[in-house]
Amino acid sequence: MTAARDPAADRSPHIPVLLRPLLAAVAPVRGLWLDGTFGAGGYTRGLLEAGADCVIGVDRDPLALELAAPWAGAYGDRLRLVQGNFSELDQHAGAQLDGVVLDLGVSSMQIDMAERGFSFQKDGPLDMRMSQSGESAADIVNTASEERIADILYHFGEERASRRIAHAIVAARATDPIITTLRLAEIVSKCLPRPKPGQSHPATRSFQALRIAVNAEFSELVQGLGAAERALKPGGLLAVVTFHSLEDRVVKRFFQAASGEEPNSNRYAPAKSGTTARFELVTRKAVGPDDQELEENPRARSAKLRVARRTAAPAMAPDAAKLDAPDLPQTKKGRRG
């Protein structure tokens, strides 16, 4: 009889990205914090060890909470775990918060488990669902129209060959359903030039785009930023770590608009006045990894940290369009390939 496989055995040690600069930016750490993307718990443990009275760890992935069970009990009532989306973090908090941390994108834990279907380098079912429920990447690839697939690849992955790849996907699925990660990666790779040394894998943008579509990541992000604004008490801190330019653009524009430092679209227009700042910028520019972190964790190379402090101004609902959050067009206009 074969022994049951331990999911944790397939993972490399999880290293929370930009933890040191994050803790430095929000010091002194105290009060009630919420980690909206709990994952393997790296940020949560860092906050607790830095002095947070209590951390609420939220994750949509039930496996993340299951894997935390062996160590979470050691923190007693200082740690509370909740399965849910960070877009509703104000409801999960149940109280005004001293801080919120969001580590966007897919966790190392999910990437390293082939059966979750996030990696184009490991053969597994084409899944990509963080919550392990709902529409999967295989559902999209095998049932969506060629037009919708192209839109997803272009708008969520900035893939210029989106139409060519979508056409190849539709042609391939007519022979056999595309149900594994490596088959999809092979189809995508054949549509693109062979990468030069140091360049990313040809399927990187396509896999990113499908993952974003499956998990409605930009909708979650915009709603999560608004939920954090509502949940934070005056003086509370919001720290967000992003991993690609589309995410960082949304977070940057949210903080600019909420702090009254949004640049004019026309440099000849009069300076904006009368804006009541809802946040004060703690990091004037995005903070990236230093040489030590890059040596310890190469996955940190694209990470960026932004931190802002909540004021006493009333919260406002964020406008996804003004934040330039990517979305799929309702018409054919705006797609390339």
C-alpha atoms as a PDB file:
ATOM      1  CA  MET A   1       0.000   0.000   0.000  1.00  0.00           C
ATOM      2  CA  THR A   2       1.400   3.381  -1.012  1.00  0.00           C
ATOM      3  CA  ALA A   3       1.733   5.930   1.772  1.00  0.00           C
ATOM      4  CA  ALA A   4      -0.276   9.138   1.416  1.00  0.00           C
ATOM      5  CA  ARG A   5       1.822  11.959  -0.030  1.00  0.00           C
ATOM      6  CA  ASP A   6       2.576  14.940   2.132  1.00  0.00           C
ATOM      7  CA  PRO A   7       1.929  18.103   0.056  1.00  0.00           C
ATOM      8  CA  ALA A   8       4.563  19.950   2.030  1.00  0.00           C
ATOM      9  CA  ALA A   9       7.224  17.483   0.934  1.00  0.00           C
ATOM     10  CA  ASP A  10       7.140  18.823  -2.646  1.00  0.00           C
ATOM     11  CA  ARG A  11       7.762  22.419  -1.683  1.00  0.00           C
ATOM     12  CA  SER A  12      11.020  24.261  -1.384  1.00  0.00           C
ATOM     13  CA  PRO A  13      11.266  26.298   1.847  1.00  0.00           C
ATOM     14  CA  HIS A  14       8.980  29.321   1.621  1.00  0.00           C
ATOM     15  CA  ILE A  15      10.786  32.646   1.876  1.00  0.00           C
ATOM     16  CA  PRO A  16       8.480  35.664   2.322  1.00  0.00           C
ATOM     17  CA  VAL A  17       9.452  38.312  -0.209  1.00  0.00           C
ATOM     18  CA  LEU A  18      10.566  41.770   0.993  1.00  0.00           C
ATOM     19  CA  LEU A  19       9.767  40.894   4.623  1.00  0.00           C
ATOM     20  CA  ARG A  20      12.741  42.820   6.045  1.00  0.00           C
ATOM     21  CA  PRO A  21      11.969  46.142   4.289  1.00  0.00           C
ATOM     22  CA  LEU A  22       8.264  45.671   4.999  1.00  0.00           C
ATOM     23  CA  LEU A  23       8.827  45.295   8.746  1.00  0.00           C
ATOM     24  CA  ALA A  24      11.205  48.260   8.696  1.00  0.00           C
ATOM     25  CA  ALA A  25       8.633  50.445   6.914  1.00  0.00           C
ATOM     26  CA  VAL A  26       5.800  49.634   9.364  1.00  0.00           C
ATOM     27  CA  ALA A  27       7.854  49.622  12.587  1.00  0.00           C
ATOM     28  CA  PRO A  28       7.037  49.620  15.411  1.00  0.00           C
ATOM     29  CA  VAL A  29       4.638  46.716  14.771  1.00  0.00           C
ATOM     30  CA  ARG A  30       1.797  46.600  17.282  1.00  0.00           C
ATOM     31  CA  GLY A  31      -1.924  46.082  17.642  1.00  0.00           C
ATOM     32  CA  LEU A  32      -4.237  44.098  15.358  1.00  0.00           C
ATOM     33  CA  TRP A  33      -3.025  43.198  11.861  1.00  0.00           C
ATOM     34  CA  LEU A  34      -4.588  41.310   8.991  1.00  0.00           C
ATOM     35  CA  ASP A  35      -2.582  39.288   6.486  1.00  0.00           C
ATOM     36  CA  GLY A  36      -4.957  39.104   3.529  1.00  0.00           C
ATOM     37  CA  THR A  37      -2.842  36.639   1.544  1.00  0.00           C
ATOM     38  CA  PHE A  38      -1.745  34.223   4.264  1.00  0.00           C
ATOM     39  CA  GLY A  39      -0.120  31.596   2.001  1.00  0.00           C
ATOM     40  CA  ALA A  40       2.595  29.771   3.922  1.00  0.00           C
ATOM     41  CA  GLY A  41       2.332  32.271   6.763  1.00  0.00           C
ATOM     42  CA  GLY A  42       5.665  34.035   6.307  1.00  0.00           C
ATOM     43  CA  TYR A  43       4.359  37.574   6.726  1.00  0.00           C
ATOM     44  CA  THR A  44       2.064  36.562   9.567  1.00  0.00           C
ATOM     45  CA  ARG A  45       4.906  35.017  11.553  1.00  0.00           C
ATOM     46  CA  GLY A  46       7.116  37.994  10.796  1.00  0.00           C
ATOM     47  CA  LEU A  47       4.485  40.398  12.132  1.00  0.00           C
ATOM     48  CA  LEU A  48       3.851  38.313  15.253  1.00  0.00           C
ATOM     49  CA  GLU A  49       7.551  38.030  16.018  1.00  0.00           C
ATOM     50  CA  ALA A  50       7.994  41.779  15.419  1.00  0.00           C
ATOM     51  CA  GLY A  51       5.414  42.607  18.103  1.00  0.00           C
ATOM     52  CA  ALA A  52       1.887  42.492  16.654  1.00  0.00           C
ATOM     53  CA  ASP A  53      -0.633  41.700  19.399  1.00  0.00           C
ATOM     54  CA  CYS A  54      -2.736  39.616  17.015  1.00  0.00           C
ATOM     55  CA  VAL A  55      -2.781  38.734  13.323  1.00  0.00           C
ATOM     56  CA  ILE A  56      -5.800  37.570  11.342  1.00  0.00           C
ATOM     57  CA  GLY A  57      -4.580  35.336   8.525  1.00  0.00           C
ATOM     58  CA  VAL A  58      -6.940  35.225   5.529  1.00  0.00           C
ATOM     59  CA  ASP A  59      -6.565  32.959   2.503  1.00  0.00           C
ATOM     60  CA  ARG A  60      -8.989  31.716  -0.125  1.00  0.00           C
ATOM     61  CA  ASP A  61      -7.009  28.469  -0.447  1.00  0.00           C
ATOM     62  CA  PRO A  62      -8.168  25.919   2.153  1.00  0.00           C
ATOM     63  CA  LEU A  63      -4.879  24.034   1.797  1.00  0.00           C
ATOM     64  CA  ALA A  64      -2.935  27.059   3.066  1.00  0.00           C
ATOM     65  CA  LEU A  65      -4.833  26.977   6.348  1.00  0.00           C
ATOM     66  CA  GLU A  66      -4.549  23.197   6.574  1.00  0.00           C
ATOM     67  CA  LEU A  67      -0.761  23.320   6.212  1.00  0.00           C
ATOM     68  CA  ALA A  68      -0.534  25.997   8.936  1.00  0.00           C
ATOM     69  CA  ALA A  69      -2.179  23.756  11.529  1.00  0.00           C
ATOM     70  CA  PRO A  70       1.056  22.210  12.895  1.00  0.00           C
ATOM     71  CA  TRP A  71       2.531  25.574  13.899  1.00  0.00           C
ATOM     72  CA  ALA A  72      -0.391  27.997  14.222  1.00  0.00           C
ATOM     73  CA  GLY A  73      -1.446  26.711  17.652  1.00  0.00           C
ATOM     74  CA  ALA A  74       1.843  27.845  19.176  1.00  0.00           C
ATOM     75  CA  TYR A  75       0.645  31.468  18.897  1.00  0.00           C
ATOM     76  CA  GLY A  76      -2.586  30.810  20.785  1.00  0.00           C
ATOM     77  CA  ASP A  77      -5.156  33.574  20.515  1.00  0.00           C
ATOM     78  CA  ARG A  78      -2.593  35.874  18.880  1.00  0.00           C
ATOM     79  CA  LEU A  79      -3.344  34.185  15.531  1.00  0.00           C
ATOM     80  CA  ARG A  80      -6.759  33.691  13.957  1.00  0.00           C
ATOM     81  CA  LEU A  81      -7.117  31.930  10.581  1.00  0.00           C
ATOM     82  CA  VAL A  82     -10.001  32.623   8.206  1.00  0.00           C
ATOM     83  CA  GLN A  83     -10.790  31.056   4.843  1.00  0.00           C
ATOM     84  CA  GLY A  84     -11.998  33.812   2.544  1.00  0.00           C
ATOM     85  CA  ASN A  85     -11.040  36.416  -0.035  1.00  0.00           C
ATOM     86  CA  PHE A  86      -9.090  39.522   0.887  1.00  0.00           C
ATOM     87  CA  SER A  87     -11.596  41.561  -1.124  1.00  0.00           C
ATOM     88  CA  GLU A  88     -13.834  41.158   1.957  1.00  0.00           C
ATOM     89  CA  LEU A  89     -11.104  41.663   4.544  1.00  0.00           C
ATOM     90  CA  ASP A  90     -13.030  44.383   6.380  1.00  0.00           C
ATOM     91  CA  GLN A  91     -15.756  41.829   7.078  1.00  0.00           C
ATOM     92  CA  HIS A  92     -13.237  39.192   8.161  1.00  0.00           C
ATOM     93  CA  ALA A  93     -11.527  41.652  10.523  1.00  0.00           C
ATOM     94  CA  GLY A  94     -14.565  42.403  12.674  1.00  0.00           C
ATOM     95  CA  ALA A  95     -12.713  45.405  14.145  1.00  0.00           C
ATOM     96  CA  GLN A  96     -10.634  48.388  13.112  1.00  0.00           C
ATOM     97  CA  LEU A  97      -7.123  47.341  12.162  1.00  0.00           C
ATOM     98  CA  ASP A  98      -3.665  48.717  12.891  1.00  0.00           C
ATOM     99  CA  GLY A  99      -2.277  47.215   9.723  1.00  0.00           C
ATOM    100  CA  VAL A 100      -2.973  45.199   6.584  1.00  0.00           C
ATOM    101  CA  VAL A 101      -0.439  43.343   4.446  1.00  0.00           C
ATOM    102  CA  LEU A 102      -1.198  41.971   0.971  1.00  0.00           C
ATOM    103  CA  ASP A 103       1.271  39.785  -0.937  1.00  0.00           C
ATOM    104  CA  LEU A 104      -0.277  39.583  -4.395  1.00  0.00           C
ATOM    105  CA  GLY A 105      -0.041  36.864  -6.978  1.00  0.00           C
ATOM    106  CA  VAL A 106       0.508  33.146  -6.574  1.00  0.00           C
ATOM    107  CA  SER A 107       2.425  31.761  -3.600  1.00  0.00           C
ATOM    108  CA  SER A 108       5.546  29.613  -3.788  1.00  0.00           C
ATOM    109  CA  MET A 109       3.538  26.873  -2.126  1.00  0.00           C
ATOM    110  CA  GLN A 110       1.056  26.841  -5.008  1.00  0.00           C
ATOM    111  CA  ILE A 111       3.705  27.097  -7.746  1.00  0.00           C
ATOM    112  CA  ASP A 112       5.739  24.240  -6.333  1.00  0.00           C
ATOM    113  CA  MET A 113       2.795  21.817  -6.179  1.00  0.00           C
ATOM    114  CA  ALA A 114       2.439  20.422  -9.697  1.00  0.00           C
ATOM    115  CA  GLU A 115      -1.107  19.252  -9.026  1.00  0.00           C
ATOM    116  CA  ARG A 116      -2.288  22.861  -8.570  1.00  0.00           C
ATOM    117  CA  GLY A 117      -1.521  23.592 -12.226  1.00  0.00           C
ATOM    118  CA  PHE A 118       0.192  26.980 -11.833  1.00  0.00           C
ATOM    119  CA  SER A 119       3.616  26.062 -13.205  1.00  0.00           C
ATOM    120  CA  PHE A 120       4.575  25.712 -16.866  1.00  0.00           C
ATOM    121  CA  GLN A 121       7.694  23.815 -15.757  1.00  0.00           C
ATOM    122  CA  LYS A 122       5.943  21.011 -13.864  1.00  0.00           C
ATOM    123  CA  ASP A 123       3.472  18.610 -15.463  1.00  0.00           C
ATOM    124  CA  GLY A 124       0.103  18.664 -13.777  1.00  0.00           C
ATOM    125  CA  PRO A 125      -3.597  19.265 -14.366  1.00  0.00           C
ATOM    126  CA  LEU A 126      -4.349  22.659 -15.892  1.00  0.00           C
ATOM    127  CA  ASP A 127      -6.136  24.073 -12.851  1.00  0.00           C
ATOM    128  CA  MET A 128      -4.811  27.381 -11.366  1.00  0.00           C
ATOM    129  CA  ARG A 129      -7.735  27.874  -8.964  1.00  0.00           C
ATOM    130  CA  MET A 130      -6.525  29.438  -5.717  1.00  0.00           C
ATOM    131  CA  SER A 131      -9.790  28.584  -3.977  1.00  0.00           C
ATOM    132  CA  GLN A 132      -9.904  25.095  -5.539  1.00  0.00           C
ATOM    133  CA  SER A 133     -13.432  25.821  -6.772  1.00  0.00           C
ATOM    134  CA  GLY A 134     -15.085  27.427  -9.789  1.00  0.00           C
ATOM    135  CA  GLU A 135     -13.891  27.708 -13.385  1.00  0.00           C
ATOM    136  CA  SER A 136     -10.417  26.276 -13.989  1.00  0.00           C
ATOM    137  CA  ALA A 137      -7.787  27.210 -16.554  1.00  0.00           C
ATOM    138  CA  ALA A 138      -8.650  23.998 -18.429  1.00  0.00           C
ATOM    139  CA  ASP A 139     -12.291  25.131 -18.614  1.00  0.00           C
ATOM    140  CA  ILE A 140     -11.254  28.431 -20.202  1.00  0.00           C
ATOM    141  CA  VAL A 141      -8.733  26.903 -22.611  1.00  0.00           C
ATOM    142  CA  ASN A 142     -11.120  24.190 -23.799  1.00  0.00           C
ATOM    143  CA  THR A 143     -14.460  26.025 -23.924  1.00  0.00           C
ATOM    144  CA  ALA A 144     -13.839  29.769 -24.374  1.00  0.00           C
ATOM    145  CA  SER A 145     -13.999  31.328 -27.818  1.00  0.00           C
ATOM    146  CA  GLU A 146     -10.789  32.132 -29.645  1.00  0.00           C
ATOM    147  CA  GLU A 147     -11.610  35.813 -29.214  1.00  0.00           C
ATOM    148  CA  ARG A 148     -11.996  35.534 -25.428  1.00  0.00           C
ATOM    149  CA  ILE A 149      -8.764  33.558 -25.064  1.00  0.00           C
ATOM    150  CA  ALA A 150      -6.909  36.192 -27.106  1.00  0.00           C
ATOM    151  CA  ASP A 151      -8.388  38.976 -24.969  1.00  0.00           C
ATOM    152  CA  ILE A 152      -7.306  37.231 -21.759  1.00  0.00           C
ATOM    153  CA  LEU A 153      -3.755  36.745 -23.013  1.00  0.00           C
ATOM    154  CA  TYR A 154      -3.407  40.314 -24.242  1.00  0.00           C
ATOM    155  CA  HIS A 155      -5.084  42.265 -21.435  1.00  0.00           C
ATOM    156  CA  PHE A 156      -3.979  40.149 -18.462  1.00  0.00           C
ATOM    157  CA  GLY A 157      -0.597  38.989 -19.765  1.00  0.00           C
ATOM    158  CA  GLU A 158       0.401  41.764 -22.181  1.00  0.00           C
ATOM    159  CA  GLU A 159       1.086  39.008 -24.695  1.00  0.00           C
ATOM    160  CA  ARG A 160       1.523  40.583 -28.131  1.00  0.00           C
ATOM    161  CA  ALA A 161       1.126  37.234 -29.881  1.00  0.00           C
ATOM    162  CA  SER A 162      -2.258  36.721 -28.213  1.00  0.00           C
ATOM    163  CA  ARG A 163      -4.218  36.023 -31.393  1.00  0.00           C
ATOM    164  CA  ARG A 164      -1.624  33.626 -32.745  1.00  0.00           C
ATOM    165  CA  ILE A 165      -1.532  31.694 -29.467  1.00  0.00           C
ATOM    166  CA  ALA A 166      -5.336  31.660 -29.137  1.00  0.00           C
ATOM    167  CA  HIS A 167      -5.652  30.297 -32.662  1.00  0.00           C
ATOM    168  CA  ALA A 168      -3.124  27.547 -31.889  1.00  0.00           C
ATOM    169  CA  ILE A 169      -4.971  26.641 -28.668  1.00  0.00           C
ATOM    170  CA  VAL A 170      -8.308  26.314 -30.452  1.00  0.00           C
ATOM    171  CA  ALA A 171      -6.726  24.226 -33.207  1.00  0.00           C
ATOM    172  CA  ALA A 172      -5.013  21.922 -30.709  1.00  0.00           C
ATOM    173  CA  ARG A 173      -8.100  21.359 -28.566  1.00  0.00           C
ATOM    174  CA  ALA A 174     -10.048  20.257 -31.648  1.00  0.00           C
ATOM    175  CA  THR A 175      -7.842  17.153 -31.665  1.00  0.00           C
ATOM    176  CA  ASP A 176      -7.601  16.505 -27.929  1.00  0.00           C
ATOM    177  CA  PRO A 177      -8.662  18.562 -24.899  1.00  0.00           C
ATOM    178  CA  ILE A 178      -5.807  20.535 -23.350  1.00  0.00           C
ATOM    179  CA  ILE A 179      -5.774  19.289 -19.773  1.00  0.00           C
ATOM    180  CA  THR A 180      -2.141  19.479 -18.635  1.00  0.00           C
ATOM    181  CA  THR A 181       0.227  22.356 -17.974  1.00  0.00           C
ATOM    182  CA  LEU A 182       3.076  21.041 -20.094  1.00  0.00           C
ATOM    183  CA  ARG A 183       0.854  20.535 -23.149  1.00  0.00           C
ATOM    184  CA  LEU A 184      -0.357  24.114 -22.943  1.00  0.00           C
ATOM    185  CA  ALA A 185       3.201  25.366 -22.397  1.00  0.00           C
ATOM    186  CA  GLU A 186       4.308  23.453 -25.492  1.00  0.00           C
ATOM    187  CA  ILE A 187       1.500  24.924 -27.618  1.00  0.00           C
ATOM    188  CA  VAL A 188       2.369  28.452 -26.493  1.00  0.00           C
ATOM    189  CA  SER A 189       6.106  27.954 -26.925  1.00  0.00           C
ATOM    190  CA  LYS A 190       5.701  26.857 -30.539  1.00  0.00           C
ATOM    191  CA  CYS A 191       4.035  30.204 -31.305  1.00  0.00           C
ATOM    192  CA  LEU A 192       6.959  32.274 -30.040  1.00  0.00           C
ATOM    193  CA  PRO A 193      10.698  32.616 -30.753  1.00  0.00           C
ATOM    194  CA  ARG A 194      13.093  30.535 -28.688  1.00  0.00           C
ATOM    195  CA  PRO A 195      14.094  32.633 -25.656  1.00  0.00           C
ATOM    196  CA  LYS A 196      17.612  33.999 -25.408  1.00  0.00           C
ATOM    197  CA  PRO A 197      19.711  33.264 -22.295  1.00  0.00           C
ATOM    198  CA  GLY A 198      18.294  35.163 -19.332  1.00  0.00           C
ATOM    199  CA  GLN A 199      14.866  35.675 -20.913  1.00  0.00           C
ATOM    200  CA  SER A 200      11.723  34.292 -19.317  1.00  0.00           C
ATOM    201  CA  HIS A 201       9.987  31.131 -20.518  1.00  0.00           C
ATOM    202  CA  PRO A 202       7.764  31.777 -23.581  1.00  0.00           C
ATOM    203  CA  ALA A 203       4.674  30.621 -21.670  1.00  0.00           C
ATOM    204  CA  THR A 204       5.198  33.007 -18.726  1.00  0.00           C
ATOM    205  CA  ARG A 205       2.804  35.715 -19.911  1.00  0.00           C
ATOM    206  CA  SER A 206       0.123  33.263 -21.042  1.00  0.00           C
ATOM    207  CA  PHE A 207       0.138  31.377 -17.741  1.00  0.00           C
ATOM    208  CA  GLN A 208       0.019  34.661 -15.823  1.00  0.00           C
ATOM    209  CA  ALA A 209      -2.951  35.811 -17.883  1.00  0.00           C
ATOM    210  CA  LEU A 210      -4.933  32.603 -17.401  1.00  0.00           C
ATOM    211  CA  ARG A 211      -4.238  32.604 -13.658  1.00  0.00           C
ATOM    212  CA  ILE A 212      -5.472  36.192 -13.379  1.00  0.00           C
ATOM    213  CA  ALA A 213      -8.636  35.344 -15.316  1.00  0.00           C
ATOM    214  CA  VAL A 214      -9.362  32.187 -13.300  1.00  0.00           C
ATOM    215  CA  ASN A 215      -9.005  33.996  -9.981  1.00  0.00           C
ATOM    216  CA  ALA A 216     -10.470  37.400 -10.999  1.00  0.00           C
ATOM    217  CA  GLU A 217      -7.328  38.909  -9.537  1.00  0.00           C
ATOM    218  CA  PHE A 218      -7.781  42.524 -10.600  1.00  0.00           C
ATOM    219  CA  SER A 219     -11.345  42.672  -9.359  1.00  0.00           C
ATOM    220  CA  GLU A 220     -10.122  41.157  -6.080  1.00  0.00           C
ATOM    221  CA  LEU A 221      -7.280  43.681  -5.886  1.00  0.00           C
ATOM    222  CA  VAL A 222      -9.437  46.765  -6.409  1.00  0.00           C
ATOM    223  CA  GLN A 223     -12.049  45.540  -3.936  1.00  0.00           C
ATOM    224  CA  GLY A 224      -9.331  44.522  -1.476  1.00  0.00           C
ATOM    225  CA  LEU A 225      -7.720  47.970  -1.518  1.00  0.00           C
ATOM    226  CA  GLY A 226     -11.117  49.496  -0.789  1.00  0.00           C
ATOM    227  CA  ALA A 227     -11.782  46.988   1.993  1.00  0.00           C
ATOM    228  CA  ALA A 228      -8.400  47.762   3.566  1.00  0.00           C
ATOM    229  CA  GLU A 229      -9.166  51.486   3.478  1.00  0.00           C
ATOM    230  CA  ARG A 230     -12.451  50.879   5.292  1.00  0.00           C
ATOM    231  CA  ALA A 231     -10.905  48.536   7.864  1.00  0.00           C
ATOM    232  CA  LEU A 232      -7.837  50.565   8.854  1.00  0.00           C
ATOM    233  CA  LYS A 233      -8.036  52.921  11.804  1.00  0.00           C
ATOM    234  CA  PRO A 234      -6.427  56.386  11.521  1.00  0.00           C
ATOM    235  CA  GLY A 235      -2.698  55.798  11.574  1.00  0.00           C
ATOM    236  CA  GLY A 236      -3.118  52.219  10.368  1.00  0.00           C
ATOM    237  CA  LEU A 237      -0.705  50.948   7.720  1.00  0.00           C
ATOM    238  CA  LEU A 238      -1.341  49.250   4.377  1.00  0.00           C
ATOM    239  CA  ALA A 239       1.593  47.354   2.874  1.00  0.00           C
ATOM    240  CA  VAL A 240       1.248  45.774  -0.585  1.00  0.00           C
ATOM    241  CA  VAL A 241       3.779  43.576  -2.384  1.00  0.00           C
ATOM    242  CA  THR A 242       3.296  43.163  -6.150  1.00  0.00           C
ATOM    243  CA  PHE A 243       5.030  40.902  -8.650  1.00  0.00           C
ATOM    244  CA  HIS A 244       4.327  42.359 -12.092  1.00  0.00           C
ATOM    245  CA  SER A 245       3.824  45.769 -13.650  1.00  0.00           C
ATOM    246  CA  LEU A 246       0.046  45.485 -14.063  1.00  0.00           C
ATOM    247  CA  GLU A 247      -0.463  44.889 -10.329  1.00  0.00           C
ATOM    248  CA  ASP A 248       2.013  47.564  -9.312  1.00  0.00           C
ATOM    249  CA  ARG A 249       0.366  50.132 -11.583  1.00  0.00           C
ATOM    250  CA  VAL A 250      -3.007  49.620  -9.886  1.00  0.00           C
ATOM    251  CA  VAL A 251      -1.528  49.870  -6.375  1.00  0.00           C
ATOM    252  CA  LYS A 252       0.575  52.910  -7.281  1.00  0.00           C
ATOM    253  CA  ARG A 253      -2.411  54.761  -8.722  1.00  0.00           C
ATOM    254  CA  PHE A 254      -4.583  53.827  -5.744  1.00  0.00           C
ATOM    255  CA  PHE A 255      -2.057  55.289  -3.323  1.00  0.00           C
ATOM    256  CA  GLN A 256      -1.495  58.377  -5.502  1.00  0.00           C
ATOM    257  CA  ALA A 257      -5.219  59.108  -5.746  1.00  0.00           C
ATOM    258  CA  ALA A 258      -5.879  58.374  -2.068  1.00  0.00           C
ATOM    259  CA  SER A 259      -2.968  60.563  -0.924  1.00  0.00           C
ATOM    260  CA  GLY A 260      -3.835  63.509  -3.177  1.00  0.00           C
ATOM    261  CA  GLU A 261      -0.582  63.093  -5.087  1.00  0.00           C
ATOM    262  CA  GLU A 262      -2.061  61.908  -8.356  1.00  0.00           C
ATOM    263  CA  PRO A 263      -0.220  63.654 -11.206  1.00  0.00           C
ATOM    264  CA  ASN A 264      -2.139  65.805 -13.685  1.00  0.00           C
ATOM    265  CA  SER A 265      -2.685  64.204 -17.072  1.00  0.00           C
ATOM    266  CA  ASN A 266      -1.954  67.618 -18.567  1.00  0.00           C
ATOM    267  CA  ARG A 267       1.203  69.314 -17.272  1.00  0.00           C
ATOM    268  CA  TYR A 268      -0.239  72.728 -18.172  1.00  0.00           C
ATOM    269  CA  ALA A 269      -3.367  72.198 -16.078  1.00  0.00           C
ATOM    270  CA  PRO A 270      -3.512  73.989 -12.703  1.00  0.00           C
ATOM    271  CA  ALA A 271      -2.402  71.974  -9.679  1.00  0.00           C
ATOM    272  CA  LYS A 272      -5.164  70.042  -7.959  1.00  0.00           C
ATOM    273  CA  SER A 273      -6.327  71.432  -4.644  1.00  0.00           C
ATOM    274  CA  GLY A 274      -8.895  70.680  -2.005  1.00  0.00           C
ATOM    275  CA  THR A 275      -8.189  66.943  -2.015  1.00  0.00           C
ATOM    276  CA  THR A 276      -8.585  65.360   1.403  1.00  0.00           C
ATOM    277  CA  ALA A 277      -5.889  62.744   1.712  1.00  0.00           C
ATOM    278  CA  ARG A 278      -7.106  59.348   2.885  1.00  0.00           C
ATOM    279  CA  PHE A 279      -3.567  57.944   2.990  1.00  0.00           C
ATOM    280  CA  GLU A 280      -0.101  59.361   3.528  1.00  0.00           C
ATOM    281  CA  LEU A 281       2.700  57.729   1.551  1.00  0.00           C
ATOM    282  CA  VAL A 282       5.289  55.982   3.712  1.00  0.00           C
ATOM    283  CA  THR A 283       7.346  54.763   0.758  1.00  0.00           C
ATOM    284  CA  ARG A 284       7.647  57.526  -1.823  1.00  0.00           C
ATOM    285  CA  LYS A 285       8.774  54.996  -4.428  1.00  0.00           C
ATOM    286  CA  ALA A 286       8.377  51.259  -4.739  1.00  0.00           C
ATOM    287  CA  VAL A 287      10.914  49.288  -2.704  1.00  0.00           C
ATOM    288  CA  GLY A 288      12.571  46.338  -4.431  1.00  0.00           C
ATOM    289  CA  PRO A 289      14.805  43.505  -3.210  1.00  0.00           C
ATOM    290  CA  ASP A 290      18.418  44.159  -2.267  1.00  0.00           C
ATOM    291  CA  ASP A 291      21.348  42.004  -3.343  1.00  0.00           C
ATOM    292  CA  GLN A 292      21.126  39.839  -0.233  1.00  0.00           C
ATOM    293  CA  GLU A 293      17.483  39.012  -0.853  1.00  0.00           C
ATOM    294  CA  LEU A 294      18.056  38.265  -4.527  1.00  0.00           C
ATOM    295  CA  GLU A 295      20.783  35.827  -3.550  1.00  0.00           C
ATOM    296  CA  GLU A 296      18.535  34.178  -0.953  1.00  0.00           C
ATOM    297  CA  ASN A 297      15.393  34.156  -3.078  1.00  0.00           C
ATOM    298  CA  PRO A 298      15.637  34.676  -6.878  1.00  0.00           C
ATOM    299  CA  ARG A 299      11.812  34.745  -7.081  1.00  0.00           C
ATOM    300  CA  ALA A 300      11.949  38.174  -5.435  1.00  0.00           C
ATOM    301  CA  ARG A 301      13.519  39.827  -8.492  1.00  0.00           C
ATOM    302  CA  SER A 302      10.278  41.392  -9.767  1.00  0.00           C
ATOM    303  CA  ALA A 303       8.730  42.187  -6.356  1.00  0.00           C
ATOM    304  CA  LYS A 304       7.858  45.734  -5.334  1.00  0.00           C
ATOM    305  CA  LEU A 305       6.661  47.013  -1.956  1.00  0.00           C
ATOM    306  CA  ARG A 306       4.490  50.077  -1.390  1.00  0.00           C
ATOM    307  CA  VAL A 307       3.334  51.276   2.048  1.00  0.00           C
ATOM    308  CA  ALA A 308       0.914  54.044   3.082  1.00  0.00           C
ATOM    309  CA  ARG A 309      -0.619  55.241   6.354  1.00  0.00           C
ATOM    310  CA  ARG A 310      -4.370  55.797   6.764  1.00  0.00           C
ATOM    311  CA  THR A 311      -5.631  59.216   7.779  1.00  0.00           C
ATOM    312  CA  ALA A 312      -8.901  60.076   9.512  1.00  0.00           C
ATOM    313  CA  ALA A 313     -10.583  61.088   6.218  1.00  0.00           C
ATOM    314  CA  PRO A 314     -13.731  59.128   5.275  1.00  0.00           C
ATOM    315  CA  ALA A 315     -13.129  56.088   3.114  1.00  0.00           C
ATOM    316  CA  MET A 316     -14.071  56.162  -0.562  1.00  0.00           C
ATOM    317  CA  ALA A 317     -14.788  53.265  -2.887  1.00  0.00           C
ATOM    318  CA  PRO A 318     -11.992  52.851  -5.465  1.00  0.00           C
ATOM    319  CA  ASP A 319     -12.826  53.252  -9.140  1.00  0.00           C
ATOM    320  CA  ALA A 320     -11.306  50.377 -11.141  1.00  0.00           C
ATOM    321  CA  ALA A 321     -11.298  52.423 -14.357  1.00  0.00           C
ATOM    322  CA  LYS A 322      -9.425  55.332 -12.764  1.00  0.00           C
ATOM    323  CA  LEU A 323      -6.904  52.895 -11.330  1.00  0.00           C
ATOM    324  CA  ASP A 324      -6.416  51.503 -14.856  1.00  0.00           C
ATOM    325  CA  ALA A 325      -7.127  47.979 -13.650  1.00  0.00           C
ATOM    326  CA  PRO A 326      -7.004  45.669 -16.688  1.00  0.00           C
ATOM    327  CA  ASP A 327     -10.315  44.206 -17.791  1.00  0.00           C
ATOM    328  CA  LEU A 328     -11.603  42.332 -20.800  1.00  0.00           C
ATOM    329  CA  PRO A 329     -13.161  44.543 -23.494  1.00  0.00           C
ATOM    330  CA  GLN A 330     -16.799  44.239 -24.369  1.00  0.00           C
ATOM    331  CA  THR A 331     -15.979  44.659 -28.045  1.00  0.00           C
ATOM    332  CA  LYS A 332     -13.204  43.581 -30.397  1.00  0.00           C
ATOM    333  CA  LYS A 333     -11.541  46.955 -30.048  1.00  0.00           C
ATOM    334  CA  GLY A 334      -8.332  47.026 -28.044  1.00  0.00           C
ATOM    335  CA  ARG A 335      -6.978  43.559 -28.725  1.00  0.00           C
ATOM    336  CA  ARG A 336      -3.771  42.746 -30.596  1.00  0.00           C
ATOM    337  CA  GLY A 337      -2.160  39.605 -31.887  1.00  0.00           C
END
